[in-house]
Amino acid sequence: MDSLTIKHANAMPAPTWGWLRMNDTQIEIPMSLAPGGSMEVDTEDRLFDHAMSFEGAVAELQARLDAARATANEDSAGDDRACVRAALAENAARNVAADGAAEMPGTAETAETAESGSANAPAADLELPALSRYQKRAALEEAALDVATAFETGIGADARAYLNFLARETMVLAAAKDTQERSTIRVEAEAGEAAAASIDVVAAPGSTFDLVIALDATAAMGAEDNATTALAGTTLRVFAGSHARVNVTVYALGTPTAMLLDDEGYVLDEGARVNVRHVVLGGELTVTGLAADVRGDTARLDIDTRYLASGSEQRDFNYVVRQRGRKTVSNMNANGVLAGTSKKVLRGTIDLVHGCKGSEGSEQETVLLASEGVDNKTVPTILCDEDDVAGNHGATIGHVRPEQLFYLESRGVSAEAAEALFIRAKLEDAALSAPDERIRASVLRLGEALIPGFTDDIDAPKEDAA
């Protein structure tokens, strides 16, 4: 089947696990999917009457950062670290080589020889270290101090471009200063459809913004073909202003033949608090990516991920948190169940950037392997370029022991029924904590498809007020 291929999606910032095929993933989107589906927004009209766009909020933050840097440079020589000098020198050499090649086309001298020994190249500094591609990029970002250029989303630019194409336009929701707002956005796709939403959220200083996103492809449950029958996705940019609070909840619910894409990027100003909750329960392939620029001092980001994979489903997660402000905090917590022959990769990267003194970062995951056929990969990573920081990571991975299965089987509970118990527990937790009745109804519909009779012990969902 012809497909659109998105390469290097959910990529780790510093690739080091090529031999285990965990640095990134590749997304194959069937060309047979037609743009369609539906996107619903439940929010107050005043949130659309915004006075500030995402780009405008970033520009205001940039102006303050530039003013602070100008004041600091009056009292110091700026960032004179060897890694920064090396990155700038390499860029200067490349520019000289490029200019020389443009002025004298057809000469035997190449850009590589110009860099290494051309008379036009800057004089070599023997104290400069050799840098990896990641180190060079990081050093240039630190030297530039450019928030807009450094901004990224978790899955990546190509996935964001595709989702923006499906969405056609970006919806901007903005909370005014010191207000409390709430929005619910639903993206639903049926068999043969691809639907997406592009969302910008701007939380002004002191405001509180609660955002719920439902990616729902459970309506395609009756499709008979074995190919991917539906795609639902969202690309989200969030700017959390000074001392603002932003709470984001995403439910990803799909059939065993659906694809769900959740692409997110965050910028946190001084004292901002952002809480993100991901509940990923269904779909042949789900790709969840989050990147955060914790730029302001004392800002905090907490991420709670709950996931379930059964049958031959695949889960792919990528979390990248760059802590740039002083005394910032980040926490990543994940809890999941893998059953059948499902596969999961979770990449979690905390980047303690130079200058984030007093910051703390933590990554923890607990995953239950409910059957022997699952494939679980967890890649917790901490990058550090600062001494006065604290970072820790850990993972607890457990199997259902043979003696436990024997105990259950001796009491009439088969291995398949035992596996269903763990799946049921995840689904029940998601249903009981669902933000609204429509999301709860989708969880129940998915649970009934995976476990016949699932809803017997759970009250039927209430009818919508409408």
Protein backbone atom coordinates (compact mmCIF):
# COMPACT_ATOMS: atom_id res chain seq x y z
CA MET A 1 0.00 0.00 0.00
CA ASP A 2 1.27 3.48 -0.92
CA SER A 3 2.03 5.52 2.16
CA LEU A 4 3.39 8.82 3.37
CA THR A 5 6.54 8.19 5.41
CA ILE A 6 7.53 10.47 8.29
CA LYS A 7 11.13 9.62 9.14
CA HIS A 8 12.99 10.29 12.39
CA ALA A 9 9.80 10.92 14.34
CA ASN A 10 9.93 10.99 18.16
CA ALA A 11 13.69 11.39 17.92
CA MET A 12 15.93 11.50 20.99
CA PRO A 13 17.94 14.75 21.23
CA ALA A 14 21.24 12.89 21.52
CA PRO A 15 21.01 9.58 19.57
CA THR A 16 23.03 6.83 21.23
CA TRP A 17 20.94 3.66 20.87
CA GLY A 18 21.16 2.92 17.13
CA TRP A 19 21.95 -0.76 17.60
CA LEU A 20 18.72 -1.23 19.56
CA ARG A 21 16.68 0.85 17.06
CA MET A 22 15.41 3.18 19.75
CA ASN A 23 16.73 6.60 18.67
CA ASP A 24 13.54 7.42 16.76
CA THR A 25 10.67 5.84 14.87
CA GLN A 26 9.19 5.90 11.39
CA ILE A 27 5.51 6.59 10.78
CA GLU A 28 3.81 5.08 7.71
CA ILE A 29 0.52 6.84 6.92
CA PRO A 30 -1.63 5.11 4.26
CA MET A 31 -2.34 7.38 1.32
CA SER A 32 -5.82 5.87 1.12
CA LEU A 33 -6.90 7.85 4.15
CA ALA A 34 -8.99 10.84 3.12
CA PRO A 35 -9.04 14.10 5.10
CA GLY A 36 -12.26 14.11 7.05
CA GLY A 37 -13.55 13.28 10.49
CA SER A 38 -14.70 15.96 12.85
CA MET A 39 -13.26 18.42 15.35
CA GLU A 40 -15.43 19.86 18.12
CA VAL A 41 -14.54 22.67 20.50
CA ASP A 42 -16.32 23.20 23.79
CA THR A 43 -15.15 26.50 25.23
CA GLU A 44 -16.15 30.08 25.90
CA ASP A 45 -16.20 32.45 22.92
CA ARG A 46 -14.06 34.97 24.76
CA LEU A 47 -11.03 32.65 24.46
CA PHE A 48 -11.02 33.29 20.70
CA ASP A 49 -10.88 37.06 21.22
CA HIS A 50 -7.23 36.83 22.04
CA ALA A 51 -4.91 39.80 22.25
CA MET A 52 -1.77 37.65 22.17
CA SER A 53 -0.69 34.88 19.82
CA PHE A 54 1.81 32.13 20.64
CA GLU A 55 4.43 33.92 18.54
CA GLY A 56 3.62 37.22 20.27
CA ALA A 57 4.01 35.68 23.73
CA VAL A 58 7.36 34.16 22.73
CA ALA A 59 8.48 37.53 21.32
CA GLU A 60 7.65 39.27 24.60
CA LEU A 61 9.62 36.66 26.54
CA GLN A 62 12.51 37.08 24.08
CA ALA A 63 12.57 40.84 24.62
CA ARG A 64 12.86 40.36 28.38
CA LEU A 65 15.62 37.77 27.98
CA ASP A 66 17.56 40.02 25.62
CA ALA A 67 17.31 42.94 28.04
CA ALA A 68 18.49 40.78 30.93
CA ARG A 69 21.39 39.43 28.86
CA ALA A 70 22.46 42.92 27.82
CA THR A 71 22.57 43.99 31.46
CA ALA A 72 24.52 40.86 32.45
CA ASN A 73 27.05 41.32 29.63
CA GLU A 74 27.89 44.79 30.90
CA ASP A 75 29.38 43.16 33.99
CA SER A 76 30.98 40.12 32.34
CA ALA A 77 32.62 38.87 29.17
CA GLY A 78 29.63 36.72 28.24
CA ASP A 79 29.69 32.97 27.69
CA ASP A 80 33.35 32.16 27.01
CA ARG A 81 33.16 28.40 27.52
CA ALA A 82 35.33 26.29 25.23
CA CYS A 83 32.35 24.38 23.81
CA VAL A 84 30.63 27.62 22.78
CA ARG A 85 33.82 28.99 21.23
CA ALA A 86 34.30 25.71 19.36
CA ALA A 87 30.76 25.75 17.95
CA LEU A 88 31.03 29.38 16.88
CA ALA A 89 34.46 28.81 15.33
CA GLU A 90 33.19 25.83 13.34
CA ASN A 91 30.26 27.89 12.06
CA ALA A 92 32.60 30.72 11.11
CA ALA A 93 34.85 28.30 9.22
CA ARG A 94 31.86 26.88 7.32
CA ASN A 95 30.74 30.39 6.37
CA VAL A 96 34.21 31.30 5.12
CA ALA A 97 34.36 28.10 3.09
CA ALA A 98 30.91 28.71 1.63
CA ASP A 99 31.76 32.32 0.73
CA GLY A 100 35.00 31.22 -0.93
CA ALA A 101 33.26 28.55 -2.97
CA ALA A 102 30.64 31.07 -4.10
CA GLU A 103 33.27 33.59 -5.21
CA MET A 104 35.48 31.04 -7.01
CA PRO A 105 33.28 28.28 -8.45
CA GLY A 106 35.14 25.39 -10.00
CA THR A 107 38.23 25.62 -7.80
CA ALA A 108 39.75 22.44 -6.47
CA GLU A 109 39.42 23.57 -2.85
CA THR A 110 36.37 22.04 -1.13
CA ALA A 111 34.49 23.20 1.90
CA GLU A 112 36.13 20.45 3.93
CA THR A 113 39.68 21.54 3.08
CA ALA A 114 38.74 25.16 3.68
CA GLU A 115 37.57 24.26 7.15
CA SER A 116 40.64 22.25 8.01
CA GLY A 117 43.42 24.34 6.53
CA SER A 118 42.43 27.12 4.16
CA ALA A 119 44.28 30.40 4.42
CA ASN A 120 40.89 32.08 4.54
CA ALA A 121 39.77 30.08 7.58
CA PRO A 122 40.10 31.47 11.10
CA ALA A 123 43.25 30.55 12.98
CA ALA A 124 42.99 27.28 14.89
CA ASP A 125 42.43 27.43 18.64
CA LEU A 126 44.18 24.41 20.08
CA GLU A 127 42.11 24.64 23.28
CA LEU A 128 38.84 24.04 21.46
CA PRO A 129 37.33 20.57 21.95
CA ALA A 130 35.85 18.38 19.23
CA LEU A 131 32.06 18.45 19.46
CA SER A 132 29.42 15.94 18.51
CA ARG A 133 26.52 17.09 16.36
CA TYR A 134 24.30 17.34 19.45
CA GLN A 135 26.92 19.27 21.45
CA LYS A 136 27.39 21.77 18.64
CA ARG A 137 23.65 22.34 18.26
CA ALA A 138 23.21 22.74 22.02
CA ALA A 139 26.10 25.20 22.29
CA LEU A 140 24.77 27.33 19.43
CA GLU A 141 21.30 27.40 21.00
CA GLU A 142 22.77 28.54 24.31
CA ALA A 143 24.81 31.25 22.61
CA ALA A 144 21.87 32.50 20.53
CA LEU A 145 19.36 32.53 23.41
CA ASP A 146 16.59 32.43 20.80
CA VAL A 147 13.35 30.97 22.19
CA ALA A 148 11.54 30.80 18.85
CA THR A 149 14.39 28.98 17.09
CA ALA A 150 14.87 26.54 19.97
CA PHE A 151 11.16 25.69 20.14
CA GLU A 152 10.30 22.12 19.20
CA THR A 153 7.48 19.63 19.45
CA GLY A 154 7.84 16.05 20.60
CA ILE A 155 7.15 14.08 17.41
CA GLY A 156 8.97 16.57 15.20
CA ALA A 157 8.60 19.19 12.50
CA ASP A 158 7.50 16.81 9.73
CA ALA A 159 4.68 15.32 11.80
CA ARG A 160 3.59 18.81 12.85
CA ALA A 161 3.51 19.90 9.20
CA TYR A 162 1.33 16.92 8.27
CA LEU A 163 -1.08 17.50 11.15
CA ASN A 164 -1.29 21.21 10.31
CA PHE A 165 -2.14 20.23 6.74
CA LEU A 166 -4.99 18.03 7.95
CA ALA A 167 -6.24 20.69 10.37
CA ARG A 168 -6.05 23.46 7.69
CA GLU A 169 -5.87 26.21 10.29
CA THR A 170 -4.55 26.72 13.80
CA MET A 171 -7.00 27.52 16.56
CA VAL A 172 -5.72 30.00 19.19
CA LEU A 173 -7.14 29.90 22.72
CA ALA A 174 -5.93 32.59 25.09
CA ALA A 175 -6.68 33.15 28.75
CA ALA A 176 -6.53 36.71 30.01
CA LYS A 177 -4.44 37.68 33.01
CA ASP A 178 -5.58 36.24 36.37
CA THR A 179 -8.56 34.35 34.87
CA GLN A 180 -9.63 30.70 35.00
CA GLU A 181 -10.60 29.01 31.74
CA ARG A 182 -11.45 25.54 30.48
CA SER A 183 -11.64 24.01 26.99
CA THR A 184 -12.45 20.55 25.62
CA ILE A 185 -11.45 19.58 22.10
CA ARG A 186 -12.52 16.34 20.43
CA VAL A 187 -10.97 14.94 17.26
CA GLU A 188 -12.92 11.98 15.89
CA ALA A 189 -12.18 9.86 12.83
CA GLU A 190 -14.07 6.98 11.29
CA ALA A 191 -12.91 4.24 8.92
CA GLY A 192 -10.97 5.60 5.96
CA GLU A 193 -10.62 9.09 7.45
CA ALA A 194 -7.74 11.20 8.75
CA ALA A 195 -8.64 14.05 11.12
CA ALA A 196 -6.49 16.46 13.10
CA ALA A 197 -6.58 19.67 15.13
CA SER A 198 -3.89 22.34 15.39
CA ILE A 199 -4.11 24.23 18.68
CA ASP A 200 -2.24 27.11 20.30
CA VAL A 201 -2.83 27.87 23.97
CA VAL A 202 -1.59 31.11 25.52
CA ALA A 203 -2.02 31.43 29.28
CA ALA A 204 -1.40 35.00 30.39
CA PRO A 205 0.44 35.72 33.65
CA GLY A 206 -1.43 34.48 36.70
CA SER A 207 -4.11 32.66 34.69
CA THR A 208 -5.28 29.04 34.97
CA PHE A 209 -6.10 27.04 31.84
CA ASP A 210 -7.55 23.51 31.84
CA LEU A 211 -7.44 21.79 28.45
CA VAL A 212 -8.90 18.36 27.65
CA ILE A 213 -8.17 16.70 24.30
CA ALA A 214 -9.90 13.51 23.14
CA LEU A 215 -8.41 11.64 20.17
CA ASP A 216 -11.16 9.18 19.37
CA ALA A 217 -11.18 6.56 16.64
CA THR A 218 -13.36 4.04 18.43
CA ALA A 219 -16.21 4.68 15.99
CA ALA A 220 -14.29 2.57 13.43
CA MET A 221 -14.63 -0.47 15.68
CA GLY A 222 -16.70 -2.38 13.13
CA ALA A 223 -14.32 -1.97 10.19
CA GLU A 224 -13.49 -5.27 8.54
CA ASP A 225 -10.25 -4.52 6.72
CA ASN A 226 -6.92 -5.21 8.38
CA ALA A 227 -5.23 -1.99 7.29
CA THR A 228 -5.15 1.17 9.35
CA THR A 229 -8.74 2.36 9.11
CA ALA A 230 -8.63 5.76 10.80
CA LEU A 231 -6.18 8.44 11.93
CA ALA A 232 -6.81 11.05 14.60
CA GLY A 233 -4.16 13.52 15.66
CA THR A 234 -3.42 16.85 17.26
CA THR A 235 -0.51 19.25 17.30
CA LEU A 236 -0.42 21.56 20.30
CA ARG A 237 1.69 24.57 21.27
CA VAL A 238 1.38 25.96 24.79
CA PHE A 239 2.83 29.14 26.24
CA ALA A 240 2.49 29.27 30.02
CA GLY A 241 3.03 32.86 31.15
CA SER A 242 4.57 34.06 34.37
CA HIS A 243 3.05 32.17 37.33
CA ALA A 244 0.31 30.73 35.10
CA ARG A 245 -1.09 27.23 35.62
CA VAL A 246 -1.86 24.99 32.65
CA ASN A 247 -3.39 21.52 33.00
CA VAL A 248 -3.55 19.37 29.87
CA THR A 249 -5.30 15.98 29.71
CA VAL A 250 -5.14 13.87 26.55
CA TYR A 251 -7.13 10.66 26.03
CA ALA A 252 -6.02 8.55 23.04
CA LEU A 253 -8.66 5.96 22.17
CA GLY A 254 -8.71 3.91 19.00
CA THR A 255 -9.55 0.58 17.45
CA PRO A 256 -6.87 -2.10 16.95
CA THR A 257 -6.56 -0.76 13.36
CA ALA A 258 -6.36 2.97 14.12
CA MET A 259 -3.45 5.40 14.27
CA LEU A 260 -3.26 8.21 16.85
CA LEU A 261 -0.70 11.04 16.78
CA ASP A 262 -0.26 13.44 19.71
CA ASP A 263 2.38 16.15 19.10
CA GLU A 264 3.00 18.77 21.80
CA GLY A 265 5.40 21.62 22.54
CA TYR A 266 5.55 23.86 25.63
CA VAL A 267 7.28 27.06 26.72
CA LEU A 268 7.24 27.89 30.44
CA ASP A 269 7.88 31.39 31.70
CA GLU A 270 8.98 32.32 35.22
CA GLY A 271 7.09 30.48 37.98
CA ALA A 272 4.74 28.71 35.53
CA ARG A 273 3.21 25.36 36.50
CA VAL A 274 2.22 22.85 33.82
CA ASN A 275 0.63 19.46 34.49
CA VAL A 276 0.22 17.02 31.60
CA ARG A 277 -1.74 13.76 31.80
CA HIS A 278 -1.61 11.27 28.92
CA VAL A 279 -3.99 8.31 28.87
CA VAL A 280 -3.23 6.05 25.90
CA LEU A 281 -5.47 3.00 25.70
CA GLY A 282 -6.10 1.90 22.13
CA GLY A 283 -4.86 2.00 18.55
CA GLU A 284 -2.73 -0.10 16.26
CA LEU A 285 -0.05 2.59 16.50
CA THR A 286 0.01 5.53 18.89
CA VAL A 287 2.78 8.11 18.72
CA THR A 288 2.99 10.55 21.63
CA GLY A 289 5.63 13.27 21.64
CA LEU A 290 6.15 16.16 24.06
CA ALA A 291 8.96 18.71 24.13
CA ALA A 292 9.18 21.44 26.75
CA ASP A 293 11.35 24.53 27.10
CA VAL A 294 11.34 25.21 30.84
CA ARG A 295 12.80 28.65 30.29
CA GLY A 296 11.71 30.71 33.28
CA ASP A 297 13.20 30.50 36.78
CA THR A 298 11.28 28.36 39.32
CA ALA A 299 9.01 26.91 36.59
CA ARG A 300 7.72 23.36 37.04
CA LEU A 301 6.50 20.62 34.66
CA ASP A 302 4.83 17.37 35.76
CA ILE A 303 3.97 14.62 33.27
CA ASP A 304 1.82 11.61 34.19
CA THR A 305 1.43 8.91 31.53
CA ARG A 306 -0.91 5.91 31.73
CA TYR A 307 -0.93 3.42 28.87
CA LEU A 308 -2.28 0.05 27.80
CA ALA A 309 -1.30 -2.07 24.79
CA SER A 310 -2.84 -5.41 23.87
CA GLY A 311 -2.82 -7.72 20.87
CA SER A 312 -0.18 -6.55 18.38
CA GLU A 313 -0.55 -2.83 19.17
CA GLN A 314 2.42 -0.45 19.33
CA ARG A 315 3.02 2.47 21.69
CA ASP A 316 5.75 5.03 21.00
CA PHE A 317 6.47 7.84 23.48
CA ASN A 318 9.04 10.62 23.39
CA TYR A 319 9.44 13.20 26.17
CA VAL A 320 12.12 15.90 25.94
CA VAL A 321 12.33 18.43 28.78
CA ARG A 322 15.00 21.13 28.52
CA GLN A 323 15.43 22.91 31.84
CA ARG A 324 17.01 26.29 31.18
CA GLY A 325 15.75 28.41 34.07
CA ARG A 326 17.18 28.41 37.57
CA LYS A 327 15.52 26.29 40.26
CA THR A 328 13.21 24.58 37.80
CA VAL A 329 11.60 21.19 38.43
CA SER A 330 10.47 18.42 36.07
CA ASN A 331 8.88 15.08 36.85
CA MET A 332 8.02 12.29 34.41
CA ASN A 333 5.97 9.38 35.70
CA ALA A 334 4.69 6.56 33.51
CA ASN A 335 2.64 3.49 34.38
CA GLY A 336 1.51 0.89 31.87
CA VAL A 337 0.44 -2.64 31.03
CA LEU A 338 1.62 -4.58 27.98
CA ALA A 339 -0.25 -7.71 26.92
CA GLY A 340 -0.40 -10.08 23.93
CA THR A 341 2.46 -9.40 21.51
CA SER A 342 2.37 -5.62 21.89
CA LYS A 343 5.41 -3.34 21.66
CA LYS A 344 6.33 -0.16 23.48
CA VAL A 345 9.18 2.33 23.38
CA LEU A 346 9.38 5.16 25.90
CA ARG A 347 12.13 7.75 25.47
CA GLY A 348 12.46 10.20 28.32
CA THR A 349 15.14 12.90 28.17
CA ILE A 350 15.79 15.56 30.79
CA ASP A 351 18.32 18.13 29.56
CA LEU A 352 19.81 20.16 32.40
CA VAL A 353 21.13 23.05 30.33
CA HIS A 354 24.06 25.23 31.37
CA GLY A 355 22.81 27.94 33.71
CA CYS A 356 19.87 26.05 35.27
CA LYS A 357 21.44 26.11 38.72
CA GLY A 358 19.40 24.58 41.51
CA SER A 359 17.17 22.60 39.12
CA GLU A 360 15.86 19.07 39.64
CA GLY A 361 14.66 16.45 37.18
CA SER A 362 13.21 12.99 37.74
CA GLU A 363 12.01 10.13 35.51
CA GLN A 364 10.19 7.04 36.78
CA GLU A 365 8.32 4.26 34.98
CA THR A 366 6.46 1.17 36.16
CA VAL A 367 5.38 -1.33 33.53
CA LEU A 368 3.71 -4.71 33.92
CA LEU A 369 4.44 -7.31 31.25
CA ALA A 370 1.26 -9.37 31.34
CA SER A 371 2.45 -11.94 28.78
CA GLU A 372 5.73 -13.34 27.52
CA GLY A 373 5.29 -12.13 23.95
CA VAL A 374 5.56 -8.38 24.61
CA ASP A 375 8.47 -6.16 23.57
CA ASN A 376 9.24 -3.39 26.07
CA LYS A 377 11.94 -0.73 25.64
CA THR A 378 12.50 2.09 28.10
CA VAL A 379 15.19 4.71 27.48
CA PRO A 380 15.55 7.13 30.42
CA THR A 381 18.23 9.74 29.66
CA ILE A 382 19.63 12.68 31.58
CA LEU A 383 21.87 15.20 29.81
CA CYS A 384 23.72 17.59 32.07
CA ASP A 385 25.84 20.70 31.50
CA GLU A 386 25.49 22.20 34.98
CA ASP A 387 27.00 21.20 38.31
CA ASP A 388 24.47 22.53 40.85
CA VAL A 389 21.57 20.28 39.79
CA ALA A 390 19.94 16.97 40.70
CA GLY A 391 18.75 14.37 38.22
CA ASN A 392 17.57 10.81 38.68
CA HIS A 393 15.79 8.15 36.68
CA GLY A 394 14.56 4.63 37.18
CA ALA A 395 12.27 1.96 35.80
CA THR A 396 10.42 -0.91 37.46
CA ILE A 397 9.58 -3.67 35.01
CA GLY A 398 7.76 -6.76 36.25
CA HIS A 399 6.47 -10.00 34.76
CA VAL A 400 3.57 -12.05 36.00
CA ARG A 401 5.49 -14.90 37.62
CA PRO A 402 4.77 -18.53 36.68
CA GLU A 403 3.79 -19.35 40.27
CA GLN A 404 1.26 -16.52 40.20
CA LEU A 405 -0.27 -17.86 36.99
CA PHE A 406 -0.31 -21.36 38.47
CA TYR A 407 -2.12 -20.04 41.54
CA LEU A 408 -4.78 -18.40 39.35
CA GLU A 409 -5.13 -21.43 37.07
CA SER A 410 -5.55 -23.72 40.06
CA ARG A 411 -8.60 -21.64 40.94
CA GLY A 412 -10.11 -21.75 37.48
CA VAL A 413 -8.60 -18.56 36.06
CA SER A 414 -6.85 -19.22 32.75
CA ALA A 415 -3.77 -17.32 31.55
CA GLU A 416 -5.97 -15.45 29.05
CA ALA A 417 -8.44 -14.51 31.78
CA ALA A 418 -5.59 -13.36 34.03
CA GLU A 419 -4.27 -11.13 31.24
CA ALA A 420 -7.77 -9.71 30.82
CA LEU A 421 -7.82 -8.82 34.51
CA PHE A 422 -4.82 -6.51 34.10
CA ILE A 423 -6.31 -4.95 30.96
CA ARG A 424 -9.63 -4.46 32.74
CA ALA A 425 -7.92 -2.68 35.64
CA LYS A 426 -6.33 -0.10 33.31
CA LEU A 427 -9.58 0.50 31.46
CA GLU A 428 -11.62 0.83 34.64
CA ASP A 429 -9.17 3.38 36.04
CA ALA A 430 -9.38 5.39 32.80
CA ALA A 431 -13.19 5.24 32.79
CA LEU A 432 -13.55 6.29 36.42
CA SER A 433 -11.18 9.25 36.00
CA ALA A 434 -12.47 10.36 32.57
CA PRO A 435 -12.95 14.15 32.33
CA ASP A 436 -16.48 13.90 30.89
CA GLU A 437 -19.18 11.40 29.96
CA ARG A 438 -18.38 11.30 26.25
CA ILE A 439 -14.78 10.30 26.89
CA ARG A 440 -16.00 7.79 29.47
CA ALA A 441 -18.41 6.33 26.91
CA SER A 442 -15.54 5.87 24.43
CA VAL A 443 -13.45 4.12 27.08
CA LEU A 444 -16.35 1.78 27.81
CA ARG A 445 -16.86 1.12 24.11
CA LEU A 446 -13.19 0.26 23.72
CA GLY A 447 -13.28 -1.91 26.86
CA GLU A 448 -16.29 -3.83 25.60
CA ALA A 449 -14.51 -4.55 22.31
CA LEU A 450 -11.40 -5.85 24.11
CA ILE A 451 -13.19 -7.68 26.94
CA PRO A 452 -16.77 -8.82 26.26
CA GLY A 453 -18.91 -7.94 29.26
CA PHE A 454 -16.53 -5.21 30.39
CA THR A 455 -19.35 -2.79 31.19
CA ASP A 456 -21.26 -5.25 33.37
CA ASP A 457 -19.62 -4.02 36.56
CA ILE A 458 -19.55 -0.36 35.56
CA ASP A 459 -22.55 1.93 35.53
CA ALA A 460 -23.72 2.87 32.05
CA PRO A 461 -22.58 6.37 31.01
CA LYS A 462 -24.97 9.20 31.59
CA GLU A 463 -26.64 10.77 28.58
CA ASP A 464 -25.24 14.07 27.42
CA ALA A 465 -27.15 17.06 28.67
CA ALA A 466 -27.64 18.10 25.08
